[in-house]
N, C-alpha and C. Protein backbone atom coordinates (compact mmCIF):
# COMPACT_ATOMS: atom_id res chain seq x y z
N ASP A 1 -12.81 -0.70 10.55
CA ASP A 1 -12.82 -0.60 8.96
C ASP A 1 -12.22 -2.39 8.67
N ILE A 2 -11.77 -3.02 9.42
CA ILE A 2 -11.69 -4.33 9.57
C ILE A 2 -13.04 -5.59 9.89
N GLU A 3 -14.17 -4.77 10.57
CA GLU A 3 -15.11 -5.39 10.41
C GLU A 3 -15.92 -5.11 8.95
N GLY A 4 -15.74 -3.80 8.76
CA GLY A 4 -16.60 -3.62 7.00
C GLY A 4 -15.88 -4.58 6.23
N ILE A 5 -14.97 -4.77 6.22
CA ILE A 5 -14.15 -5.78 5.01
C ILE A 5 -14.58 -7.21 5.84
N ARG A 6 -14.45 -7.92 6.57
CA ARG A 6 -15.30 -9.04 6.84
C ARG A 6 -16.87 -9.11 6.15
N GLU A 7 -17.35 -8.01 6.69
CA GLU A 7 -18.69 -8.10 6.15
C GLU A 7 -19.04 -8.21 4.78
N MET A 8 -17.62 -7.52 4.01
CA MET A 8 -17.60 -7.60 2.16
C MET A 8 -17.44 -8.79 2.04
N LEU A 9 -16.69 -9.42 2.78
CA LEU A 9 -16.26 -11.07 2.44
C LEU A 9 -17.65 -12.08 2.33
N SER A 10 -18.49 -11.48 3.51
CA SER A 10 -19.11 -12.76 4.27
C SER A 10 -20.69 -12.48 3.05
N ILE A 11 -20.74 -11.51 2.33
CA ILE A 11 -22.30 -11.30 1.45
C ILE A 11 -22.08 -11.79 0.47
N SER A 12 -23.07 -11.74 -0.14
CA SER A 12 -22.94 -12.41 -1.84
C SER A 12 -22.60 -11.72 -2.58
N ARG A 13 -22.33 -12.06 -3.85
CA ARG A 13 -21.90 -11.11 -4.91
C ARG A 13 -22.56 -10.23 -5.33
N SER A 14 -24.24 -10.46 -5.39
CA SER A 14 -24.90 -9.40 -5.87
C SER A 14 -25.28 -8.18 -4.43
N ALA A 15 -25.01 -8.87 -3.30
CA ALA A 15 -25.10 -7.74 -2.33
C ALA A 15 -23.42 -6.95 -2.45
N LEU A 16 -22.87 -7.65 -2.72
CA LEU A 16 -21.53 -6.64 -2.75
C LEU A 16 -21.41 -5.84 -3.77
N SER A 17 -21.94 -6.12 -5.02
CA SER A 17 -22.36 -5.47 -6.18
C SER A 17 -23.10 -4.32 -5.82
N GLU A 18 -24.18 -4.34 -5.02
CA GLU A 18 -25.07 -3.24 -5.11
C GLU A 18 -24.35 -2.42 -3.44
N LYS A 19 -23.36 -2.93 -2.77
CA LYS A 19 -22.97 -2.09 -1.92
C LYS A 19 -22.03 -1.16 -2.37
N MET A 20 -21.05 -1.60 -3.39
CA MET A 20 -20.36 -0.88 -4.19
C MET A 20 -20.57 0.19 -5.22
N GLY A 21 -21.97 0.07 -5.60
CA GLY A 21 -22.70 0.60 -6.55
C GLY A 21 -22.34 0.06 -7.78
N ILE A 22 -22.14 -1.19 -8.45
CA ILE A 22 -21.42 -1.65 -9.71
C ILE A 22 -22.55 -2.83 -10.01
N PRO A 23 -22.22 -3.21 -11.28
CA PRO A 23 -23.14 -4.23 -11.90
C PRO A 23 -22.80 -5.65 -11.23
N PRO A 24 -23.58 -6.61 -11.05
CA PRO A 24 -22.97 -7.69 -10.39
C PRO A 24 -22.09 -8.77 -11.58
N THR A 25 -22.11 -8.04 -12.79
CA THR A 25 -21.43 -8.88 -13.68
C THR A 25 -19.92 -8.47 -13.71
N ASP A 26 -19.94 -7.18 -12.81
CA ASP A 26 -18.57 -6.65 -13.16
C ASP A 26 -17.32 -7.69 -12.76
N ASP A 27 -16.10 -8.08 -13.56
CA ASP A 27 -15.39 -8.99 -13.49
C ASP A 27 -14.43 -8.56 -12.27
N ARG A 28 -14.60 -7.35 -12.16
CA ARG A 28 -13.59 -6.94 -10.80
C ARG A 28 -13.82 -7.56 -9.39
N LEU A 29 -15.29 -7.99 -9.20
CA LEU A 29 -15.91 -7.91 -8.27
C LEU A 29 -14.77 -9.29 -7.28
N GLU A 30 -14.29 -10.31 -8.14
CA GLU A 30 -13.27 -11.62 -7.39
C GLU A 30 -12.29 -10.92 -7.04
N HIS A 31 -11.53 -10.17 -7.88
CA HIS A 31 -10.16 -9.39 -7.67
C HIS A 31 -10.31 -8.56 -6.41
N PHE A 32 -11.23 -7.64 -6.21
CA PHE A 32 -11.70 -6.99 -5.00
C PHE A 32 -11.88 -7.92 -4.12
N ARG A 33 -12.61 -9.10 -3.97
CA ARG A 33 -12.61 -9.91 -2.59
C ARG A 33 -11.35 -10.18 -2.36
N TRP A 34 -10.55 -10.85 -3.48
CA TRP A 34 -9.18 -11.05 -3.31
C TRP A 34 -8.42 -10.48 -2.27
N TYR A 35 -8.52 -9.14 -2.73
CA TYR A 35 -7.37 -8.02 -1.81
C TYR A 35 -8.33 -8.19 -0.45
N MET A 36 -9.58 -8.11 -0.17
CA MET A 36 -9.92 -8.12 1.05
C MET A 36 -9.27 -8.95 1.96
N GLN A 37 -9.44 -10.28 1.41
CA GLN A 37 -9.12 -11.46 2.11
C GLN A 37 -7.54 -11.39 2.35
N TYR A 38 -6.45 -10.79 1.49
CA TYR A 38 -5.35 -11.03 1.47
C TYR A 38 -5.18 -9.63 2.48
N LEU A 39 -5.90 -8.30 2.70
CA LEU A 39 -5.98 -7.44 3.75
C LEU A 39 -5.98 -8.35 4.97
N LEU A 40 -7.13 -9.05 4.84
CA LEU A 40 -7.54 -9.80 7.04
C LEU A 40 -6.37 -10.86 6.62
N ASP A 41 -5.95 -11.58 5.89
CA ASP A 41 -4.69 -12.70 6.26
C ASP A 41 -3.75 -11.90 6.35
N THR A 42 -3.50 -10.81 5.96
CA THR A 42 -2.00 -9.72 6.29
C THR A 42 -2.27 -9.37 7.57
N THR A 43 -3.24 -8.70 8.08
CA THR A 43 -3.52 -8.20 9.39
C THR A 43 -3.09 -9.39 10.39
N ALA A 44 -4.14 -10.54 10.16
CA ALA A 44 -4.32 -11.66 11.22
C ALA A 44 -2.76 -12.17 11.26
N THR A 45 -1.98 -12.04 10.23
CA THR A 45 -0.68 -12.47 10.31
C THR A 45 0.25 -11.76 11.13
N ILE A 46 0.69 -10.73 10.88
CA ILE A 46 0.89 -9.68 11.75
C ILE A 46 0.33 -9.65 13.25
N MET A 47 -0.52 -9.31 13.39
CA MET A 47 -0.96 -9.42 14.86
C MET A 47 -1.04 -10.65 15.60
N PHE A 48 -0.87 -12.00 14.95
CA PHE A 48 -0.34 -13.13 15.67
C PHE A 48 0.82 -12.61 16.04
N GLU A 49 2.31 -12.41 15.12
CA GLU A 49 3.42 -12.15 15.81
C GLU A 49 3.39 -11.00 16.71
N ALA A 50 2.71 -9.90 16.55
CA ALA A 50 2.77 -8.64 17.44
C ALA A 50 2.69 -9.09 18.91
N ASN A 51 2.34 -10.36 19.45
CA ASN A 51 2.02 -10.73 20.66
C ASN A 51 3.35 -10.96 21.50
N THR A 52 4.51 -10.79 20.41
CA THR A 52 6.13 -11.34 20.65
C THR A 52 6.51 -10.17 20.84
N ILE A 53 6.34 -8.44 20.45
CA ILE A 53 6.47 -7.32 20.39
C ILE A 53 6.94 -6.95 21.93
N LYS A 54 8.10 -7.08 22.25
CA LYS A 54 8.58 -6.22 23.45
C LYS A 54 9.79 -4.90 23.50
N GLY A 55 9.27 -3.96 23.75
CA GLY A 55 10.16 -2.92 23.99
C GLY A 55 10.36 -2.15 22.70
N ALA A 56 9.43 -2.15 21.69
CA ALA A 56 9.60 -1.35 20.44
C ALA A 56 9.17 0.05 20.83
N GLY A 57 10.33 0.86 20.29
CA GLY A 57 9.67 2.20 20.30
C GLY A 57 8.92 2.83 18.99
N GLY A 58 8.61 1.95 17.88
CA GLY A 58 7.65 2.12 16.98
C GLY A 58 7.45 1.38 16.42
N ILE A 59 6.47 1.54 15.38
CA ILE A 59 6.42 0.23 14.06
C ILE A 59 6.37 1.16 12.82
N ILE A 60 6.95 0.36 11.38
CA ILE A 60 6.39 1.13 10.48
C ILE A 60 5.96 -0.15 9.78
N ALA A 61 4.75 0.68 9.29
CA ALA A 61 3.98 0.02 8.47
C ALA A 61 4.11 0.38 6.85
N THR A 62 4.41 -0.89 6.38
CA THR A 62 4.78 -0.72 5.02
C THR A 62 3.97 -0.66 3.94
N ASP A 63 3.35 -0.10 3.47
CA ASP A 63 2.05 0.17 2.38
C ASP A 63 0.74 0.14 3.00
N LEU A 64 -0.14 0.00 2.39
CA LEU A 64 -1.76 0.43 3.13
C LEU A 64 -2.08 -1.17 3.41
N ASP A 65 -1.57 -2.33 3.18
CA ASP A 65 -1.87 -3.52 3.46
C ASP A 65 -1.28 -3.85 5.04
N THR A 66 -0.29 -3.14 5.44
CA THR A 66 0.28 -3.19 6.86
C THR A 66 -0.21 -2.34 8.00
N MET A 67 -1.35 -1.29 7.18
CA MET A 67 -1.79 -0.24 8.14
C MET A 67 -2.69 -0.68 9.15
N PRO A 68 -3.57 -1.70 8.85
CA PRO A 68 -4.65 -1.84 9.77
C PRO A 68 -4.40 -2.46 11.11
N ALA A 69 -3.07 -3.54 10.59
CA ALA A 69 -2.57 -4.15 11.82
C ALA A 69 -1.49 -3.36 12.69
N ALA A 70 -0.80 -2.27 12.17
CA ALA A 70 -0.26 -1.30 12.77
C ALA A 70 -0.65 -0.31 13.43
N LEU A 71 -1.84 -0.19 13.37
CA LEU A 71 -2.95 0.50 14.20
C LEU A 71 -3.60 -0.11 15.25
N LEU A 72 -3.94 -1.45 15.02
CA LEU A 72 -4.43 -1.92 16.24
C LEU A 72 -3.12 -2.05 17.26
N ILE A 73 -1.68 -2.51 16.68
CA ILE A 73 -0.68 -2.46 17.71
C ILE A 73 -0.68 -1.18 18.48
N LYS A 74 -0.85 0.09 17.52
CA LYS A 74 -0.82 1.14 18.36
C LYS A 74 -1.54 1.28 19.34
N ALA A 75 -2.65 0.97 18.97
CA ALA A 75 -3.94 0.98 19.75
C ALA A 75 -3.62 0.20 21.15
N THR A 76 -3.07 -1.07 21.28
CA THR A 76 -3.23 -1.88 22.29
C THR A 76 -1.58 -1.85 23.19
N LYS A 77 -0.89 -1.45 22.29
CA LYS A 77 0.71 -1.43 22.67
C LYS A 77 1.50 0.39 23.26
N ASN A 78 0.54 1.19 22.50
CA ASN A 78 0.57 2.36 22.97
C ASN A 78 2.28 2.75 22.15
N ILE A 79 2.39 2.42 20.74
CA ILE A 79 3.58 2.68 20.03
C ILE A 79 3.20 3.53 18.83
N PRO A 80 3.95 4.63 18.53
CA PRO A 80 3.54 5.11 17.51
C PRO A 80 4.02 4.32 16.15
N ILE A 81 3.40 4.98 15.33
CA ILE A 81 3.12 4.28 13.87
C ILE A 81 3.81 5.41 12.81
N PHE A 82 4.90 4.81 11.74
CA PHE A 82 5.43 5.74 10.80
C PHE A 82 5.12 4.40 9.86
N TYR A 83 4.25 5.50 8.85
CA TYR A 83 3.56 4.96 7.57
C TYR A 83 4.50 5.32 6.25
N ASP A 84 5.21 4.27 5.74
CA ASP A 84 6.18 4.43 4.57
C ASP A 84 4.94 3.68 3.48
N ALA A 85 4.72 4.83 2.38
CA ALA A 85 4.08 4.22 1.51
C ALA A 85 5.07 3.88 0.28
N HIS A 86 4.99 2.98 -0.24
CA HIS A 86 6.40 2.80 -1.24
C HIS A 86 5.72 3.02 -2.56
N GLU A 87 4.13 2.98 -2.66
CA GLU A 87 3.59 3.22 -3.93
C GLU A 87 2.22 3.79 -3.55
N TYR A 88 1.65 4.02 -4.42
CA TYR A 88 0.08 5.25 -4.30
C TYR A 88 -0.47 3.59 -4.49
N TRP A 89 -1.35 3.07 -3.36
CA TRP A 89 -2.21 1.90 -3.38
C TRP A 89 -3.06 1.77 -4.06
N PRO A 90 -3.81 2.91 -4.37
CA PRO A 90 -5.34 2.81 -4.94
C PRO A 90 -4.92 2.44 -6.55
N GLU A 91 -4.35 2.83 -7.00
CA GLU A 91 -3.99 2.70 -8.27
C GLU A 91 -2.56 1.42 -8.73
N ALA A 92 -2.28 0.67 -7.41
CA ALA A 92 -1.21 -0.39 -7.69
C ALA A 92 -1.47 -1.26 -8.53
N ASP A 93 -2.89 -1.67 -8.83
CA ASP A 93 -3.31 -2.59 -9.96
C ASP A 93 -3.79 -2.10 -11.24
N VAL A 94 -2.90 -1.90 -11.83
CA VAL A 94 -3.33 -1.22 -13.22
C VAL A 94 -4.69 -1.57 -13.54
N ASN A 95 -5.15 -2.43 -13.31
CA ASN A 95 -6.29 -3.21 -14.04
C ASN A 95 -7.62 -2.83 -13.27
N SER A 96 -7.22 -2.03 -11.90
CA SER A 96 -8.72 -1.59 -11.17
C SER A 96 -9.53 -0.63 -11.76
N SER A 97 -10.45 -0.94 -11.14
CA SER A 97 -12.04 -0.16 -11.94
C SER A 97 -11.68 1.05 -11.29
N PRO A 98 -12.61 2.30 -11.48
CA PRO A 98 -12.74 3.67 -10.68
C PRO A 98 -13.33 3.22 -9.20
N TRP A 99 -14.01 2.03 -9.35
CA TRP A 99 -14.84 1.85 -8.04
C TRP A 99 -13.91 1.51 -6.59
N GLU A 100 -12.95 0.53 -7.37
CA GLU A 100 -12.13 -0.07 -6.46
C GLU A 100 -11.06 1.34 -6.10
N ILE A 101 -10.45 1.94 -7.04
CA ILE A 101 -9.58 2.92 -6.80
C ILE A 101 -10.10 3.75 -5.22
N SER A 102 -11.60 4.17 -5.94
CA SER A 102 -12.09 4.91 -4.83
C SER A 102 -12.38 4.51 -3.51
N TYR A 103 -12.50 3.26 -3.36
CA TYR A 103 -12.78 2.50 -2.29
C TYR A 103 -11.54 2.78 -1.54
N TRP A 104 -10.34 1.92 -2.26
CA TRP A 104 -8.80 2.08 -1.43
C TRP A 104 -8.18 3.48 -1.17
N GLU A 105 -8.73 4.75 -2.11
CA GLU A 105 -8.42 6.05 -1.35
C GLU A 105 -9.18 6.45 -0.39
N GLY A 106 -10.69 5.75 -0.16
CA GLY A 106 -11.32 6.44 1.29
C GLY A 106 -10.68 5.62 2.25
N LEU A 107 -10.19 4.22 2.19
CA LEU A 107 -9.72 3.63 3.51
C LEU A 107 -8.30 4.05 3.53
N GLU A 108 -7.51 4.37 2.78
CA GLU A 108 -6.08 4.98 2.93
C GLU A 108 -6.30 6.24 3.70
N SER A 109 -7.19 7.05 2.96
CA SER A 109 -7.57 8.48 3.62
C SER A 109 -7.79 8.34 5.17
N ARG A 110 -8.71 7.27 5.49
CA ARG A 110 -9.22 7.01 7.00
C ARG A 110 -8.13 6.51 7.80
N LEU A 111 -7.20 5.72 7.55
CA LEU A 111 -6.21 5.09 8.42
C LEU A 111 -4.79 6.30 8.24
N VAL A 112 -4.29 7.02 7.43
CA VAL A 112 -3.18 7.75 7.36
C VAL A 112 -3.49 9.05 8.66
N HIS A 113 -4.53 9.16 8.77
CA HIS A 113 -4.81 10.61 9.79
C HIS A 113 -4.04 9.47 11.34
N HIS A 114 -4.55 8.42 11.53
CA HIS A 114 -3.95 7.76 12.84
C HIS A 114 -2.50 7.61 12.98
N ALA A 115 -1.38 7.83 11.59
CA ALA A 115 -0.38 7.47 11.88
C ALA A 115 0.70 8.80 12.19
N ASP A 116 1.61 8.52 12.98
CA ASP A 116 2.65 9.25 13.48
C ASP A 116 3.25 10.22 12.77
N TYR A 117 3.66 9.58 11.57
CA TYR A 117 4.50 9.99 10.65
C TYR A 117 4.34 9.42 9.32
N CYS A 118 4.09 10.05 8.05
CA CYS A 118 3.76 9.30 6.83
C CYS A 118 4.87 9.76 6.15
N GLN A 119 5.71 8.98 4.97
CA GLN A 119 6.31 9.36 4.10
C GLN A 119 6.01 8.38 3.09
N THR A 120 6.89 8.79 1.75
CA THR A 120 6.39 8.04 0.89
C THR A 120 7.89 8.16 -0.37
N VAL A 121 7.84 7.98 -1.49
CA VAL A 121 9.29 7.54 -1.99
C VAL A 121 9.55 8.79 -3.17
N SER A 122 8.77 9.88 -3.39
CA SER A 122 9.03 10.81 -4.49
C SER A 122 8.69 12.05 -4.06
N PRO A 123 8.81 13.02 -4.58
CA PRO A 123 8.52 14.17 -3.92
C PRO A 123 6.90 14.74 -4.57
N GLY A 124 6.85 14.09 -6.04
CA GLY A 124 5.71 14.37 -7.07
C GLY A 124 4.53 13.09 -5.93
N LEU A 125 4.71 12.33 -5.50
CA LEU A 125 3.84 11.19 -4.94
C LEU A 125 3.40 12.04 -3.61
N ALA A 126 4.50 12.54 -2.82
CA ALA A 126 4.46 12.95 -1.35
C ALA A 126 3.34 14.42 -1.33
N ARG A 127 3.30 15.29 -2.78
CA ARG A 127 2.47 16.23 -3.12
C ARG A 127 1.24 15.59 -3.21
N LEU A 128 0.74 14.69 -4.05
CA LEU A 128 -0.01 14.15 -4.45
C LEU A 128 -0.94 13.68 -3.34
N MET A 129 0.03 12.73 -2.60
CA MET A 129 -0.74 11.98 -0.95
C MET A 129 -1.05 13.07 0.21
N SER A 130 -0.40 14.05 -0.15
CA SER A 130 -0.67 14.89 0.97
C SER A 130 -1.87 15.91 0.95
N LYS A 131 -2.16 15.80 -0.78
CA LYS A 131 -3.12 16.68 -1.04
C LYS A 131 -4.79 15.98 -0.71
N GLN A 132 -4.40 14.76 -1.47
CA GLN A 132 -5.23 13.73 -1.72
C GLN A 132 -5.88 13.39 0.11
N TYR A 133 -5.08 12.82 0.94
CA TYR A 133 -5.74 12.88 2.30
C TYR A 133 -5.72 13.86 3.57
N GLY A 134 -4.83 14.87 3.21
CA GLY A 134 -5.05 16.12 3.79
C GLY A 134 -4.22 15.75 5.11
N THR A 135 -3.17 15.05 4.88
CA THR A 135 -1.88 14.94 5.92
C THR A 135 -0.77 15.01 5.60
N THR A 136 0.34 15.41 5.82
CA THR A 136 1.36 15.93 5.40
C THR A 136 2.15 14.33 5.38
N PHE A 137 2.77 14.50 4.04
CA PHE A 137 3.72 13.16 3.57
C PHE A 137 4.98 13.63 3.04
N ASN A 138 6.07 13.42 4.04
CA ASN A 138 7.23 13.66 3.47
C ASN A 138 8.01 12.98 2.46
N TYR A 139 9.09 12.57 2.00
CA TYR A 139 9.85 11.55 1.02
C TYR A 139 11.14 11.20 1.17
N VAL A 140 11.29 9.61 1.16
CA VAL A 140 12.79 9.75 0.97
C VAL A 140 13.16 8.72 -0.58
N PRO A 141 13.63 9.34 -1.29
CA PRO A 141 13.67 8.10 -2.51
C PRO A 141 13.57 6.73 -2.63
N ASN A 142 13.38 6.27 -3.33
CA ASN A 142 13.71 4.57 -3.27
C ASN A 142 14.80 4.38 -4.50
N CYS A 143 15.24 5.05 -5.15
CA CYS A 143 15.98 5.09 -6.47
C CYS A 143 17.26 6.05 -6.56
N GLU A 144 18.22 5.79 -7.19
CA GLU A 144 19.38 6.80 -7.40
C GLU A 144 18.86 8.23 -7.97
N LEU A 145 19.04 8.92 -7.69
CA LEU A 145 18.85 10.28 -8.40
C LEU A 145 19.44 11.12 -9.31
N PRO A 146 19.23 12.02 -10.61
CA PRO A 146 20.38 12.01 -11.09
C PRO A 146 21.15 13.28 -10.44
N GLY A 147 22.43 13.41 -10.76
CA GLY A 147 23.25 14.26 -9.77
C GLY A 147 23.82 13.98 -8.70
N HIS A 148 23.24 12.76 -8.34
CA HIS A 148 23.73 12.40 -7.36
C HIS A 148 25.23 11.72 -7.42
N ALA A 149 26.14 11.43 -6.46
CA ALA A 149 27.39 10.63 -6.78
C ALA A 149 27.32 9.37 -7.74
N LEU A 150 26.15 8.42 -7.27
CA LEU A 150 26.13 7.43 -8.00
C LEU A 150 25.85 7.45 -9.27
N ALA A 151 25.00 8.54 -9.69
CA ALA A 151 24.11 8.67 -10.89
C ALA A 151 25.13 9.22 -12.10
N ASP A 152 26.21 9.45 -11.27
CA ASP A 152 27.43 10.03 -12.34
C ASP A 152 28.65 9.30 -12.64
N ARG A 153 28.66 7.88 -11.91
CA ARG A 153 29.52 6.75 -12.51
C ARG A 153 29.94 6.56 -13.91
N PRO A 154 30.73 5.94 -14.34
CA PRO A 154 31.02 5.75 -15.86
C PRO A 154 29.43 4.85 -16.09
N LYS A 155 29.45 4.74 -17.46
CA LYS A 155 28.61 3.81 -18.05
C LYS A 155 29.22 2.46 -18.45
N LYS A 156 28.17 1.55 -18.41
CA LYS A 156 29.02 0.04 -18.70
C LYS A 156 29.13 0.03 -20.52
N ALA A 157 29.81 -0.36 -20.77
CA ALA A 157 30.02 -0.38 -22.38
C ALA A 157 28.95 -1.58 -22.66
N SER A 158 28.31 -1.41 -23.98
CA SER A 158 27.31 -1.94 -24.40
C SER A 158 27.52 -3.66 -24.76
N GLY A 159 26.83 -4.67 -24.44
CA GLY A 159 27.27 -5.76 -24.24
C GLY A 159 27.50 -6.32 -22.65
N ASP A 160 28.17 -5.45 -21.95
CA ASP A 160 28.11 -5.94 -20.65
C ASP A 160 26.66 -6.26 -19.65
N THR A 161 26.68 -7.40 -18.93
CA THR A 161 25.58 -7.54 -18.43
C THR A 161 24.96 -6.64 -17.17
N CYS A 162 23.89 -6.23 -17.00
CA CYS A 162 23.47 -5.28 -16.12
C CYS A 162 22.65 -6.48 -15.59
N LYS A 163 22.92 -6.41 -14.14
CA LYS A 163 22.18 -6.82 -12.94
C LYS A 163 21.59 -6.03 -12.08
N PHE A 164 20.19 -6.24 -11.93
CA PHE A 164 19.46 -5.37 -10.75
C PHE A 164 18.50 -6.48 -9.91
N LEU A 165 18.01 -5.75 -8.66
CA LEU A 165 17.23 -6.26 -7.79
C LEU A 165 15.93 -5.69 -7.79
N PHE A 166 15.10 -6.45 -8.16
CA PHE A 166 13.39 -6.09 -8.07
C PHE A 166 12.92 -6.33 -7.09
N LEU A 167 12.47 -5.21 -6.27
CA LEU A 167 11.73 -5.60 -4.84
C LEU A 167 10.18 -4.79 -4.88
N GLY A 168 9.30 -5.38 -4.84
CA GLY A 168 8.07 -5.35 -5.02
C GLY A 168 7.15 -6.35 -5.72
N GLY A 169 6.24 -6.03 -5.86
CA GLY A 169 5.08 -7.14 -6.33
C GLY A 169 4.91 -7.25 -8.07
N PHE A 170 5.04 -8.43 -8.36
CA PHE A 170 5.33 -8.60 -9.62
C PHE A 170 3.87 -8.84 -10.37
N ALA A 171 3.70 -7.73 -10.89
CA ALA A 171 2.10 -7.26 -11.41
C ALA A 171 1.90 -6.76 -12.97
N PRO A 172 1.04 -6.75 -13.45
CA PRO A 172 1.13 -6.25 -14.84
C PRO A 172 1.08 -4.49 -14.80
N GLY A 173 1.80 -4.14 -15.67
CA GLY A 173 2.05 -2.74 -15.74
C GLY A 173 3.00 -1.99 -14.73
N ARG A 174 3.80 -2.92 -14.18
CA ARG A 174 5.00 -2.13 -13.20
C ARG A 174 6.11 -2.30 -14.06
N GLY A 175 6.42 -2.58 -15.59
CA GLY A 175 7.81 -2.26 -16.04
C GLY A 175 8.42 -3.42 -16.27
N ILE A 176 8.39 -4.21 -15.59
CA ILE A 176 9.32 -5.66 -14.81
C ILE A 176 9.86 -6.12 -16.31
N ASP A 177 9.11 -6.43 -17.37
CA ASP A 177 9.21 -6.58 -18.86
C ASP A 177 10.38 -5.84 -19.35
N LEU A 178 10.19 -4.44 -19.17
CA LEU A 178 11.23 -3.41 -19.56
C LEU A 178 12.86 -3.64 -18.97
N LEU A 179 12.80 -4.15 -17.71
CA LEU A 179 14.07 -4.09 -16.61
C LEU A 179 14.66 -5.16 -17.52
């Protein structure tokens, strides 16, 4: 898959549009190329640092962008991979075209089968990804759930300051403005 990504980055816009089955005027092509380069850069950076790994019992791949490197490490160091998907990557960019979503679904589907354990952040997403990819996804919530001890604490009075920590990508459609 890394070689396929390199090929997509090296070919012309018209050749890429033909390969993806879309018009060469599609404005998402440059976004797609950016994501391809980002994936390669992330993989190269992790692999550079992987040479320093000694005695690790496992690797946690956090989201699809770290899976290629994790699988290369698994292959070279014989270390199990724990895939922790914090989101459904194919639809993480709300502006993605259907062809992009299809590409990312295909890539993730090919890679997750090589992980030793897969999990995500909610029961619904675990069901969706298990069905989509034909492999078991478990889940560990990444937020406070109703009915748990912290959810039952008293609410602050109006006018009090609300502080929160946002961990994730700042992108359109993620609701950051609502926070």
